[in-house]
């Protein structure tokens, strides 16, 4: 098929026009992608404290549960406040391996007070554990990587909650927020 000289000029002009439009749109796409990346970073920074940004907390081992262990410096902690009052009832310390929630010395909460076991341990951590177990069964993670917790007590009162293998940074915020909610409800139940 032969094209006239006029048709060839039109085809060349059309091609050049298409190349210009592609370049224009490519710049717009790149700018949109950069903006999206910036927004993602802002959202991630504001939604939770990254474990990698917190200093690793060094604590002495608890040799006797009745003795108070040395606590890490306050600047490494995330305060957990009681509801609207804003009174600090505990501090959370995040490392790459675990989240430690240490109750304030003045706060006395029995481990049997609702909704600690039913909500925080069984529903929140229990569901995370269930998902981890399913991932371990399917071979996505090692069984040693399944989330787990330890509750250190002084008598029947909670002193510290250690959550190991939280694995996902998104879980840190959920664990701290739900711990704060649970502890606040527990204090309200005690004061009734």
N, C-alpha and C. Protein backbone atom coordinates (compact mmCIF):
# COMPACT_ATOMS: atom_id res chain seq x y z
N UNK A 1 0.84 -1.18 0.00
CA UNK A 1 0.00 0.00 0.00
C UNK A 1 0.88 1.23 0.00
N UNK A 2 0.64 2.09 -0.93
CA UNK A 2 1.44 3.30 -1.06
C UNK A 2 0.69 4.47 -0.46
N UNK A 3 1.45 5.32 0.27
CA UNK A 3 0.89 6.53 0.85
C UNK A 3 1.41 7.72 0.07
N UNK A 4 0.59 8.73 -0.02
CA UNK A 4 1.02 9.95 -0.69
C UNK A 4 1.97 10.69 0.24
N UNK A 5 2.67 11.63 -0.34
CA UNK A 5 3.61 12.43 0.44
C UNK A 5 2.88 13.19 1.54
N UNK A 6 1.69 13.66 1.25
CA UNK A 6 0.87 14.37 2.23
C UNK A 6 0.46 13.45 3.37
N UNK A 7 0.09 12.21 3.07
CA UNK A 7 -0.31 11.24 4.10
C UNK A 7 0.86 10.89 5.00
N UNK A 8 2.05 10.75 4.39
CA UNK A 8 3.25 10.43 5.17
C UNK A 8 3.57 11.57 6.13
N UNK A 9 3.43 12.82 5.67
CA UNK A 9 3.65 13.97 6.56
C UNK A 9 2.67 13.95 7.72
N UNK A 10 1.39 13.62 7.44
CA UNK A 10 0.38 13.54 8.49
C UNK A 10 0.70 12.43 9.49
N UNK A 11 1.17 11.28 8.98
CA UNK A 11 1.52 10.14 9.85
C UNK A 11 2.70 10.52 10.74
N UNK A 12 3.72 11.19 10.19
CA UNK A 12 4.88 11.62 10.96
C UNK A 12 4.44 12.63 12.03
N UNK A 13 3.56 13.56 11.65
CA UNK A 13 3.06 14.56 12.61
C UNK A 13 2.27 13.87 13.73
N UNK A 14 1.46 12.88 13.36
CA UNK A 14 0.69 12.14 14.35
C UNK A 14 1.61 11.40 15.30
N UNK A 15 2.65 10.78 14.74
CA UNK A 15 3.62 10.06 15.58
C UNK A 15 4.30 11.01 16.57
N UNK A 16 4.74 12.18 16.06
CA UNK A 16 5.40 13.15 16.94
C UNK A 16 4.45 13.65 18.03
N UNK A 17 3.18 13.85 17.66
CA UNK A 17 2.17 14.27 18.63
C UNK A 17 1.98 13.21 19.71
N UNK A 18 1.92 11.94 19.32
CA UNK A 18 1.77 10.85 20.27
C UNK A 18 2.97 10.77 21.21
N UNK A 19 4.17 10.94 20.68
CA UNK A 19 5.39 10.91 21.51
C UNK A 19 5.35 12.05 22.53
N UNK A 20 4.92 13.24 22.11
CA UNK A 20 4.82 14.38 23.03
C UNK A 20 3.80 14.09 24.14
N UNK A 21 2.66 13.53 23.76
CA UNK A 21 1.62 13.21 24.76
C UNK A 21 2.12 12.16 25.75
N UNK A 22 2.83 11.16 25.25
CA UNK A 22 3.37 10.12 26.13
C UNK A 22 4.35 10.74 27.11
N UNK A 23 5.24 11.61 26.63
CA UNK A 23 6.20 12.27 27.51
C UNK A 23 5.49 13.11 28.57
N UNK A 24 4.46 13.86 28.14
CA UNK A 24 3.70 14.68 29.08
C UNK A 24 3.05 13.82 30.16
N UNK A 25 2.40 12.77 29.75
CA UNK A 25 1.72 11.90 30.71
C UNK A 25 2.71 11.15 31.59
N UNK A 26 3.86 10.80 31.04
CA UNK A 26 4.87 10.09 31.82
C UNK A 26 5.36 10.98 32.96
N UNK A 27 5.59 12.26 32.69
CA UNK A 27 6.00 13.18 33.74
C UNK A 27 4.91 13.31 34.81
N UNK A 28 3.66 13.38 34.38
CA UNK A 28 2.54 13.48 35.33
C UNK A 28 2.44 12.22 36.18
N UNK A 29 2.62 11.07 35.57
CA UNK A 29 2.56 9.80 36.30
C UNK A 29 3.68 9.74 37.32
N UNK A 30 4.89 10.12 36.93
CA UNK A 30 6.02 10.11 37.86
C UNK A 30 5.77 11.06 39.04
N UNK A 31 5.19 12.23 38.76
CA UNK A 31 4.90 13.19 39.82
C UNK A 31 3.84 12.62 40.76
N UNK A 32 2.81 11.99 40.22
CA UNK A 32 1.77 11.37 41.03
C UNK A 32 2.34 10.25 41.89
N UNK A 33 3.21 9.45 41.33
CA UNK A 33 3.84 8.36 42.09
C UNK A 33 4.69 8.91 43.22
N UNK A 34 5.44 9.98 42.98
CA UNK A 34 6.25 10.60 44.03
C UNK A 34 5.34 11.12 45.16
N UNK A 35 4.25 11.78 44.79
CA UNK A 35 3.30 12.29 45.79
C UNK A 35 2.70 11.15 46.61
N UNK A 36 2.37 10.07 45.94
CA UNK A 36 1.80 8.91 46.63
C UNK A 36 2.80 8.31 47.62
N UNK A 37 4.06 8.23 47.22
CA UNK A 37 5.11 7.72 48.10
C UNK A 37 5.26 8.62 49.33
N UNK A 38 5.24 9.92 49.13
CA UNK A 38 5.35 10.86 50.25
C UNK A 38 4.16 10.71 51.20
N UNK A 39 2.96 10.59 50.65
CA UNK A 39 1.77 10.41 51.49
C UNK A 39 1.83 9.11 52.27
N UNK A 40 2.30 8.05 51.65
CA UNK A 40 2.46 6.76 52.35
C UNK A 40 3.41 6.91 53.53
N UNK A 41 4.52 7.60 53.33
CA UNK A 41 5.49 7.80 54.41
C UNK A 41 4.88 8.60 55.56
N UNK A 42 4.14 9.66 55.22
CA UNK A 42 3.51 10.48 56.25
C UNK A 42 2.51 9.65 57.04
N UNK A 43 1.70 8.85 56.35
CA UNK A 43 0.72 8.01 57.04
C UNK A 43 1.39 6.98 57.93
N UNK A 44 2.45 6.36 57.45
CA UNK A 44 3.15 5.36 58.25
C UNK A 44 3.76 5.99 59.50
N UNK A 45 4.36 7.16 59.35
CA UNK A 45 5.00 7.83 60.48
C UNK A 45 3.99 8.26 61.53
N UNK A 46 2.80 8.69 61.09
CA UNK A 46 1.83 9.20 62.04
C UNK A 46 0.96 8.11 62.67
N UNK A 47 0.90 6.93 62.06
CA UNK A 47 -0.01 5.91 62.58
C UNK A 47 0.59 5.05 63.67
N UNK A 48 1.89 4.91 63.74
CA UNK A 48 2.51 4.13 64.81
C UNK A 48 3.99 4.47 64.91
N UNK A 49 4.58 4.12 66.02
CA UNK A 49 6.00 4.31 66.22
C UNK A 49 6.72 3.08 65.72
N UNK A 50 7.60 3.26 64.77
CA UNK A 50 8.32 2.12 64.22
C UNK A 50 9.29 1.57 65.25
N UNK A 51 9.31 0.25 65.35
CA UNK A 51 10.22 -0.40 66.29
C UNK A 51 11.67 -0.09 65.93
N UNK A 52 11.95 0.03 64.63
CA UNK A 52 13.33 0.29 64.21
C UNK A 52 13.80 1.68 64.62
N UNK A 53 12.85 2.62 64.89
CA UNK A 53 13.25 3.97 65.27
C UNK A 53 13.43 4.13 66.77
N UNK A 54 12.88 3.20 67.52
CA UNK A 54 13.05 3.29 68.97
C UNK A 54 14.38 2.67 69.36
N UNK A 55 14.99 3.25 70.36
CA UNK A 55 16.25 2.69 70.83
C UNK A 55 15.97 1.36 71.51
N UNK A 56 16.88 0.43 71.32
CA UNK A 56 16.72 -0.86 71.99
C UNK A 56 16.81 -0.64 73.49
N UNK A 57 15.86 -1.21 74.17
CA UNK A 57 15.77 -1.02 75.61
C UNK A 57 16.54 -2.13 76.31
N UNK A 58 17.41 -1.73 77.20
CA UNK A 58 18.15 -2.71 78.01
C UNK A 58 17.56 -2.73 79.40
N UNK A 59 17.10 -3.91 79.84
CA UNK A 59 16.54 -4.04 81.17
C UNK A 59 17.22 -5.20 81.88
N UNK A 60 17.34 -5.06 83.19
CA UNK A 60 17.91 -6.16 83.96
C UNK A 60 16.85 -7.25 84.07
N UNK A 61 17.28 -8.49 84.18
CA UNK A 61 16.33 -9.60 84.30
C UNK A 61 15.64 -9.52 85.64
N UNK A 62 14.40 -9.98 85.65
CA UNK A 62 13.63 -10.01 86.90
C UNK A 62 14.03 -11.29 87.64
N UNK A 63 14.78 -11.10 88.73
CA UNK A 63 15.25 -12.25 89.49
C UNK A 63 14.22 -12.68 90.50
N UNK A 64 13.53 -11.74 91.07
CA UNK A 64 12.50 -12.05 92.04
C UNK A 64 11.28 -11.24 91.66
N UNK A 65 10.16 -11.90 91.43
CA UNK A 65 8.97 -11.21 90.95
C UNK A 65 8.46 -10.17 91.93
N UNK A 66 8.79 -10.31 93.18
CA UNK A 66 8.32 -9.33 94.16
C UNK A 66 9.18 -8.08 94.18
N UNK A 67 10.40 -8.15 93.65
CA UNK A 67 11.26 -6.97 93.59
C UNK A 67 10.95 -6.22 92.31
N UNK A 68 11.07 -4.93 92.35
CA UNK A 68 10.85 -4.13 91.17
C UNK A 68 12.14 -4.11 90.34
N UNK A 69 12.03 -4.51 89.09
CA UNK A 69 13.19 -4.52 88.20
C UNK A 69 13.52 -3.09 87.81
N UNK A 70 14.77 -2.87 87.41
CA UNK A 70 15.15 -1.54 86.93
C UNK A 70 14.38 -1.26 85.66
N UNK A 71 13.82 -0.07 85.59
CA UNK A 71 13.03 0.28 84.41
C UNK A 71 13.89 1.08 83.45
N UNK A 72 13.63 0.93 82.12
CA UNK A 72 14.37 1.71 81.14
C UNK A 72 14.05 3.19 81.30
N UNK A 73 14.88 4.01 80.73
CA UNK A 73 14.68 5.46 80.82
C UNK A 73 13.35 5.84 80.18
N UNK A 74 12.71 6.86 80.74
CA UNK A 74 11.38 7.28 80.29
C UNK A 74 11.39 7.71 78.83
N UNK A 75 12.50 8.28 78.33
CA UNK A 75 12.51 8.75 76.95
C UNK A 75 12.39 7.61 75.93
N UNK A 76 12.62 6.37 76.36
CA UNK A 76 12.48 5.22 75.46
C UNK A 76 11.09 4.62 75.54
N UNK A 77 10.20 5.22 76.30
CA UNK A 77 8.90 4.60 76.53
C UNK A 77 7.79 5.30 75.77
N UNK A 78 6.70 4.54 75.60
CA UNK A 78 5.47 5.08 75.04
C UNK A 78 4.47 5.04 76.18
N UNK A 79 4.05 6.21 76.70
CA UNK A 79 3.14 6.21 77.83
C UNK A 79 1.76 5.69 77.44
N UNK A 80 1.17 4.88 78.32
CA UNK A 80 -0.20 4.41 78.14
C UNK A 80 -1.03 5.13 79.19
N UNK A 81 -1.99 5.92 78.74
CA UNK A 81 -2.76 6.76 79.66
C UNK A 81 -4.15 6.19 79.89
N UNK A 82 -4.69 6.51 81.05
CA UNK A 82 -6.02 6.06 81.43
C UNK A 82 -7.06 7.00 80.84
N UNK A 83 -7.75 6.53 79.82
CA UNK A 83 -8.88 7.25 79.22
C UNK A 83 -8.68 8.73 79.09
N UNK A 84 -9.75 9.47 79.43
CA UNK A 84 -9.76 10.93 79.27
C UNK A 84 -8.95 11.65 80.34
N UNK A 85 -8.72 11.00 81.47
CA UNK A 85 -8.00 11.64 82.57
C UNK A 85 -6.55 11.94 82.21
N UNK A 86 -5.98 11.10 81.35
CA UNK A 86 -4.62 11.33 80.92
C UNK A 86 -3.56 10.89 81.91
N UNK A 87 -3.96 10.21 82.97
CA UNK A 87 -3.00 9.71 83.96
C UNK A 87 -2.26 8.51 83.37
N UNK A 88 -0.93 8.53 83.45
CA UNK A 88 -0.13 7.43 82.91
C UNK A 88 -0.28 6.22 83.84
N UNK A 89 -0.76 5.11 83.26
CA UNK A 89 -0.96 3.90 84.05
C UNK A 89 0.08 2.82 83.73
N UNK A 90 0.76 2.99 82.58
CA UNK A 90 1.78 2.03 82.18
C UNK A 90 2.66 2.67 81.12
N UNK A 91 3.77 2.02 80.83
CA UNK A 91 4.65 2.46 79.75
C UNK A 91 4.97 1.25 78.89
N UNK A 92 4.97 1.48 77.57
CA UNK A 92 5.31 0.41 76.63
C UNK A 92 6.73 0.65 76.12
N UNK A 93 7.49 -0.41 76.07
CA UNK A 93 8.86 -0.36 75.56
C UNK A 93 8.94 -1.32 74.39
N UNK A 94 9.31 -0.81 73.22
CA UNK A 94 9.33 -1.61 72.01
C UNK A 94 10.76 -1.88 71.57
N UNK A 95 11.08 -3.16 71.37
CA UNK A 95 12.35 -3.55 70.77
C UNK A 95 12.01 -4.32 69.50
N UNK A 96 13.01 -4.75 68.77
CA UNK A 96 12.78 -5.51 67.54
C UNK A 96 12.15 -6.87 67.85
N UNK A 97 12.36 -7.39 69.06
CA UNK A 97 11.88 -8.72 69.41
C UNK A 97 10.56 -8.72 70.18
N UNK A 98 10.30 -7.66 70.95
CA UNK A 98 9.14 -7.72 71.83
C UNK A 98 8.61 -6.34 72.20
N UNK A 99 7.38 -6.35 72.72
CA UNK A 99 6.76 -5.17 73.30
C UNK A 99 6.58 -5.48 74.78
N UNK A 100 7.13 -4.64 75.66
CA UNK A 100 6.97 -4.81 77.11
C UNK A 100 6.08 -3.69 77.62
N UNK A 101 5.00 -4.07 78.28
CA UNK A 101 4.09 -3.09 78.87
C UNK A 101 4.25 -3.22 80.38
N UNK A 102 4.84 -2.18 80.98
CA UNK A 102 5.14 -2.21 82.42
C UNK A 102 4.20 -1.25 83.12
N UNK A 103 3.40 -1.79 84.04
CA UNK A 103 2.44 -0.97 84.77
C UNK A 103 3.15 -0.06 85.76
N UNK A 104 2.57 1.12 85.98
CA UNK A 104 3.09 2.05 86.96
C UNK A 104 3.03 1.40 88.34
N UNK A 105 4.01 1.70 89.19
CA UNK A 105 4.08 1.09 90.53
C UNK A 105 2.83 1.34 91.35
N UNK A 106 2.15 2.48 91.12
CA UNK A 106 0.97 2.83 91.91
C UNK A 106 -0.30 2.12 91.42
N UNK A 107 -0.22 1.52 90.23
CA UNK A 107 -1.40 0.87 89.65
C UNK A 107 -1.44 -0.60 90.08
N UNK A 108 -2.54 -0.96 90.74
CA UNK A 108 -2.72 -2.35 91.18
C UNK A 108 -3.96 -2.90 90.49
N UNK A 109 -3.72 -3.85 89.57
CA UNK A 109 -4.82 -4.47 88.84
C UNK A 109 -4.66 -5.98 88.91
N UNK A 110 -5.68 -6.65 89.40
CA UNK A 110 -5.69 -8.10 89.47
C UNK A 110 -5.83 -8.67 88.06
N UNK A 111 -5.06 -9.70 87.75
CA UNK A 111 -5.07 -10.30 86.41
C UNK A 111 -6.44 -10.90 86.07
N UNK A 112 -7.27 -11.18 87.08
CA UNK A 112 -8.59 -11.77 86.83
C UNK A 112 -9.67 -10.72 86.55
N UNK A 113 -9.31 -9.44 86.62
CA UNK A 113 -10.28 -8.38 86.37
C UNK A 113 -10.60 -8.30 84.88
N UNK A 114 -11.91 -8.33 84.53
CA UNK A 114 -12.28 -8.21 83.12
C UNK A 114 -11.96 -6.82 82.60
N UNK A 115 -11.68 -6.64 81.34
CA UNK A 115 -11.68 -7.61 80.24
C UNK A 115 -10.27 -8.07 79.85
N UNK A 116 -9.37 -8.18 80.81
CA UNK A 116 -7.98 -8.52 80.50
C UNK A 116 -7.86 -9.84 79.74
N UNK A 117 -8.34 -10.92 80.35
CA UNK A 117 -8.21 -12.22 79.71
C UNK A 117 -9.13 -12.34 78.50
N UNK A 118 -10.40 -12.00 78.67
CA UNK A 118 -11.39 -12.21 77.60
C UNK A 118 -11.12 -11.35 76.37
N UNK A 119 -10.70 -10.11 76.57
CA UNK A 119 -10.49 -9.22 75.42
C UNK A 119 -9.02 -9.18 74.99
N UNK A 120 -8.15 -8.72 75.89
CA UNK A 120 -6.77 -8.48 75.48
C UNK A 120 -6.01 -9.77 75.16
N UNK A 121 -6.05 -10.73 76.09
CA UNK A 121 -5.28 -11.96 75.86
C UNK A 121 -5.94 -12.89 74.84
N UNK A 122 -7.24 -13.18 75.04
CA UNK A 122 -7.91 -14.16 74.19
C UNK A 122 -8.28 -13.59 72.81
N UNK A 123 -8.86 -12.39 72.81
CA UNK A 123 -9.35 -11.87 71.53
C UNK A 123 -8.27 -11.21 70.70
N UNK A 124 -7.52 -10.29 71.27
CA UNK A 124 -6.51 -9.54 70.50
C UNK A 124 -5.28 -10.41 70.22
N UNK A 125 -4.57 -10.81 71.28
CA UNK A 125 -3.36 -11.61 71.07
C UNK A 125 -3.74 -13.00 70.55
N UNK A 126 -4.85 -13.54 71.05
CA UNK A 126 -5.29 -14.87 70.61
C UNK A 126 -5.54 -14.93 69.11
N UNK A 127 -6.18 -13.89 68.55
CA UNK A 127 -6.43 -13.86 67.10
C UNK A 127 -5.12 -13.74 66.32
N UNK A 128 -4.20 -12.92 66.83
CA UNK A 128 -2.89 -12.80 66.17
C UNK A 128 -2.18 -14.15 66.19
N UNK A 129 -2.27 -14.83 67.33
CA UNK A 129 -1.64 -16.14 67.49
C UNK A 129 -2.25 -17.15 66.52
N UNK A 130 -3.56 -17.09 66.37
CA UNK A 130 -4.27 -17.99 65.45
C UNK A 130 -3.78 -17.78 64.01
N UNK A 131 -3.68 -16.50 63.60
CA UNK A 131 -3.19 -16.20 62.24
C UNK A 131 -1.76 -16.68 62.05
N UNK A 132 -0.91 -16.43 63.08
CA UNK A 132 0.48 -16.88 63.01
C UNK A 132 0.57 -18.40 62.91
N UNK A 133 -0.28 -19.08 63.67
CA UNK A 133 -0.28 -20.54 63.65
C UNK A 133 -0.64 -21.05 62.26
N UNK A 134 -1.64 -20.41 61.62
CA UNK A 134 -2.04 -20.78 60.26
C UNK A 134 -0.87 -20.55 59.28
N UNK A 135 -0.16 -19.43 59.46
CA UNK A 135 0.99 -19.15 58.59
C UNK A 135 2.11 -20.15 58.83
N UNK A 136 2.29 -20.58 60.08
CA UNK A 136 3.32 -21.58 60.39
C UNK A 136 2.94 -22.92 59.77
N UNK A 137 1.66 -23.27 59.83
CA UNK A 137 1.19 -24.52 59.24
C UNK A 137 1.39 -24.54 57.73
N UNK A 138 1.21 -23.39 57.09
CA UNK A 138 1.38 -23.31 55.63
C UNK A 138 2.84 -23.08 55.23
N UNK A 139 3.73 -22.95 56.22
CA UNK A 139 5.15 -22.81 55.95
C UNK A 139 5.62 -21.40 55.67
N UNK A 140 4.75 -20.40 55.87
CA UNK A 140 5.14 -19.01 55.62
C UNK A 140 6.09 -18.49 56.69
N UNK A 141 5.90 -18.96 57.94
CA UNK A 141 6.78 -18.55 59.04
C UNK A 141 7.19 -19.78 59.84
N UNK A 142 8.25 -19.63 60.63
CA UNK A 142 8.70 -20.70 61.52
C UNK A 142 7.77 -20.76 62.74
N UNK A 143 7.62 -21.93 63.33
CA UNK A 143 6.77 -22.07 64.53
C UNK A 143 7.32 -21.22 65.68
N UNK A 144 8.64 -21.01 65.70
CA UNK A 144 9.26 -20.20 66.75
C UNK A 144 8.90 -18.72 66.61
N UNK A 145 8.35 -18.33 65.46
CA UNK A 145 8.01 -16.93 65.20
C UNK A 145 6.57 -16.59 65.56
N UNK A 146 5.83 -17.54 66.08
CA UNK A 146 4.43 -17.29 66.46
C UNK A 146 4.40 -16.35 67.67
N UNK A 147 3.52 -15.37 67.62
CA UNK A 147 3.38 -14.40 68.72
C UNK A 147 3.05 -15.14 70.02
N UNK A 148 3.59 -14.64 71.11
CA UNK A 148 3.32 -15.24 72.41
C UNK A 148 3.44 -14.15 73.48
N UNK A 149 2.97 -14.43 74.67
CA UNK A 149 3.03 -13.42 75.73
C UNK A 149 3.35 -14.06 77.07
N UNK A 150 3.85 -13.23 77.97
CA UNK A 150 4.12 -13.61 79.36
C UNK A 150 3.54 -12.49 80.22
N UNK A 151 2.81 -12.87 81.26
CA UNK A 151 2.29 -11.88 82.20
C UNK A 151 3.03 -12.08 83.52
N UNK A 152 3.86 -11.12 83.89
CA UNK A 152 4.56 -11.16 85.18
C UNK A 152 3.69 -10.49 86.22
N UNK A 153 3.54 -11.16 87.36
CA UNK A 153 2.66 -10.65 88.41
C UNK A 153 3.41 -10.51 89.72
N UNK A 154 2.87 -9.68 90.56
CA UNK A 154 3.29 -9.58 91.96
C UNK A 154 2.07 -10.05 92.74
N UNK A 155 2.09 -11.30 93.18
CA UNK A 155 0.89 -11.90 93.76
C UNK A 155 -0.09 -12.13 92.63
N UNK A 156 -1.28 -11.51 92.73
CA UNK A 156 -2.26 -11.64 91.65
C UNK A 156 -2.31 -10.37 90.79
N UNK A 157 -1.53 -9.35 91.16
CA UNK A 157 -1.52 -8.09 90.41
C UNK A 157 -0.55 -8.14 89.24
N UNK A 158 -1.01 -7.61 88.10
CA UNK A 158 -0.18 -7.55 86.89
C UNK A 158 0.91 -6.50 87.10
N UNK A 159 2.14 -6.84 86.81
CA UNK A 159 3.24 -5.89 86.85
C UNK A 159 3.76 -5.60 85.44
N UNK A 160 3.77 -6.63 84.58
CA UNK A 160 4.37 -6.48 83.26
C UNK A 160 3.73 -7.48 82.30
N UNK A 161 3.51 -7.03 81.07
CA UNK A 161 3.03 -7.90 80.00
C UNK A 161 4.09 -7.85 78.90
N UNK A 162 4.65 -9.00 78.59
CA UNK A 162 5.68 -9.08 77.54
C UNK A 162 5.08 -9.82 76.35
N UNK A 163 5.07 -9.17 75.20
CA UNK A 163 4.55 -9.78 73.98
C UNK A 163 5.72 -10.01 73.05
N UNK A 164 6.03 -11.29 72.82
CA UNK A 164 7.18 -11.66 71.98
C UNK A 164 6.71 -11.99 70.57
N UNK A 165 7.60 -11.80 69.62
CA UNK A 165 7.37 -12.15 68.20
C UNK A 165 6.17 -11.43 67.60
N UNK A 166 6.04 -10.14 67.88
CA UNK A 166 4.93 -9.42 67.26
C UNK A 166 5.09 -9.36 65.75
N UNK A 167 6.30 -9.53 65.25
CA UNK A 167 6.68 -9.67 63.85
C UNK A 167 6.32 -8.50 62.94
N UNK A 168 5.10 -8.03 63.00
CA UNK A 168 4.64 -6.98 62.08
C UNK A 168 4.55 -5.65 62.82
N UNK A 169 5.16 -4.63 62.25
CA UNK A 169 5.17 -3.31 62.88
C UNK A 169 3.76 -2.78 63.11
N UNK A 170 2.83 -3.18 62.22
CA UNK A 170 1.45 -2.72 62.36
C UNK A 170 0.83 -3.21 63.67
N UNK A 171 1.31 -4.34 64.16
CA UNK A 171 0.74 -4.92 65.38
C UNK A 171 1.12 -4.11 66.63
N UNK A 172 2.23 -3.41 66.59
CA UNK A 172 2.70 -2.67 67.77
C UNK A 172 1.64 -1.67 68.22
N UNK A 173 1.15 -0.88 67.28
CA UNK A 173 0.15 0.14 67.60
C UNK A 173 -1.12 -0.51 68.15
N UNK A 174 -1.57 -1.59 67.51
CA UNK A 174 -2.78 -2.28 67.97
C UNK A 174 -2.59 -2.83 69.38
N UNK A 175 -1.44 -3.43 69.64
CA UNK A 175 -1.18 -4.00 70.97
C UNK A 175 -1.17 -2.93 72.05
N UNK A 176 -0.50 -1.82 71.79
CA UNK A 176 -0.42 -0.74 72.78
C UNK A 176 -1.79 -0.10 73.00
N UNK A 177 -2.51 0.17 71.91
CA UNK A 177 -3.83 0.80 72.05
C UNK A 177 -4.82 -0.10 72.78
N UNK A 178 -4.86 -1.38 72.43
CA UNK A 178 -5.82 -2.28 73.08
C UNK A 178 -5.42 -2.58 74.53
N UNK A 179 -4.12 -2.57 74.81
CA UNK A 179 -3.67 -2.73 76.20
C UNK A 179 -4.15 -1.54 77.02
N UNK A 180 -4.00 -0.34 76.47
CA UNK A 180 -4.46 0.87 77.16
C UNK A 180 -5.96 0.84 77.41
N UNK A 181 -6.73 0.43 76.41
CA UNK A 181 -8.18 0.34 76.55
C UNK A 181 -8.55 -0.69 77.62
N UNK A 182 -7.90 -1.85 77.56
CA UNK A 182 -8.20 -2.93 78.52
C UNK A 182 -7.86 -2.50 79.94
N UNK A 183 -6.68 -1.92 80.14
CA UNK A 183 -6.27 -1.49 81.49
C UNK A 183 -7.22 -0.42 82.04
N UNK A 184 -7.64 0.50 81.17
CA UNK A 184 -8.59 1.54 81.59
C UNK A 184 -9.91 0.92 82.03
N UNK A 185 -10.44 -0.02 81.23
CA UNK A 185 -11.70 -0.71 81.59
C UNK A 185 -11.53 -1.48 82.89
N UNK A 186 -10.38 -2.12 83.07
CA UNK A 186 -10.12 -2.89 84.29
C UNK A 186 -10.14 -1.97 85.51
N UNK A 187 -9.50 -0.82 85.42
CA UNK A 187 -9.50 0.13 86.53
C UNK A 187 -10.92 0.62 86.84
N UNK A 188 -11.71 0.84 85.77
CA UNK A 188 -13.11 1.26 85.98
C UNK A 188 -13.88 0.16 86.69
N UNK A 189 -13.64 -1.11 86.31
CA UNK A 189 -14.34 -2.23 86.95
C UNK A 189 -13.96 -2.38 88.41
N UNK A 190 -12.69 -2.10 88.73
CA UNK A 190 -12.23 -2.18 90.12
C UNK A 190 -12.90 -1.10 90.96
N UNK A 191 -13.05 0.10 90.39
CA UNK A 191 -13.58 1.25 91.14
C UNK A 191 -15.10 1.26 91.24
N UNK A 192 -15.79 0.28 90.66
CA UNK A 192 -17.26 0.24 90.72
C UNK A 192 -17.71 -0.18 92.09
